[in-house]
Amino acid sequence: MDISIYYLLAGLAVLYIAVRIYNRKGSKRRKSRKFMEGYERRDKSGDKDKN
């Protein structure tokens, strides 16, 4: 029974490390802004003139 607690804690530690690595890669991807490539904001004042 005592050793199973250690197995559980080791599994949780591995899961925690995997999630941290995945989130770090995602934050680097967001910082690079490659997903926003080619995006142009609409001019709010231009939209009002069209109405």
Protein backbone atom coordinates (compact mmCIF):
# COMPACT_ATOMS: atom_id res chain seq x y z
CA MET A 1 0.00 0.00 0.00
CA ASP A 2 2.80 2.43 0.84
CA ILE A 3 4.58 2.02 -2.49
CA SER A 4 1.40 2.71 -4.50
CA ILE A 5 1.30 6.24 -3.08
CA TYR A 6 4.73 6.88 -4.56
CA TYR A 7 3.62 5.52 -7.92
CA LEU A 8 0.63 7.86 -7.84
CA LEU A 9 2.79 10.86 -6.94
CA ALA A 10 5.29 10.00 -9.69
CA GLY A 11 2.47 9.75 -12.24
CA LEU A 12 1.11 13.12 -11.19
CA ALA A 13 4.58 14.66 -11.44
CA VAL A 14 5.04 13.32 -14.98
CA LEU A 15 1.62 14.65 -15.96
CA TYR A 16 2.44 18.05 -14.45
CA ILE A 17 5.72 18.27 -16.35
CA ALA A 18 4.03 17.27 -19.62
CA VAL A 19 1.36 19.96 -19.20
CA ARG A 20 4.00 22.59 -18.39
CA ILE A 21 6.00 21.75 -21.51
CA TYR A 22 2.88 21.83 -23.70
CA ASN A 23 1.78 25.21 -22.29
CA ARG A 24 5.25 26.68 -22.75
CA LYS A 25 5.24 25.73 -26.43
CA GLY A 26 1.79 27.31 -26.81
CA SER A 27 2.89 30.56 -25.24
CA LYS A 28 5.91 30.76 -27.54
CA ARG A 29 3.60 30.18 -30.50
CA ARG A 30 1.33 33.02 -29.37
CA LYS A 31 4.26 35.36 -28.82
CA SER A 32 5.49 34.78 -32.35
CA ARG A 33 2.12 35.98 -33.73
CA LYS A 34 2.44 33.73 -36.77
CA PHE A 35 -1.25 32.92 -36.46
CA MET A 36 -2.03 36.62 -37.00
CA GLU A 37 -0.01 36.81 -40.20
CA GLY A 38 -1.92 38.72 -42.88
CA TYR A 39 -4.53 40.01 -40.44
CA GLU A 40 -5.59 43.62 -40.93
CA ARG A 41 -7.71 45.50 -38.46
CA ARG A 42 -10.78 47.27 -39.72
CA ASP A 43 -10.80 51.00 -39.23
CA LYS A 44 -13.69 51.84 -36.91
CA SER A 45 -14.06 55.34 -38.29
CA GLY A 46 -14.26 53.92 -41.83
CA ASP A 47 -17.16 51.65 -40.84
CA LYS A 48 -19.21 54.58 -39.57
CA ASP A 49 -18.80 56.49 -42.83
CA LYS A 50 -20.26 53.63 -44.83
CA ASN A 51 -23.56 53.70 -42.92
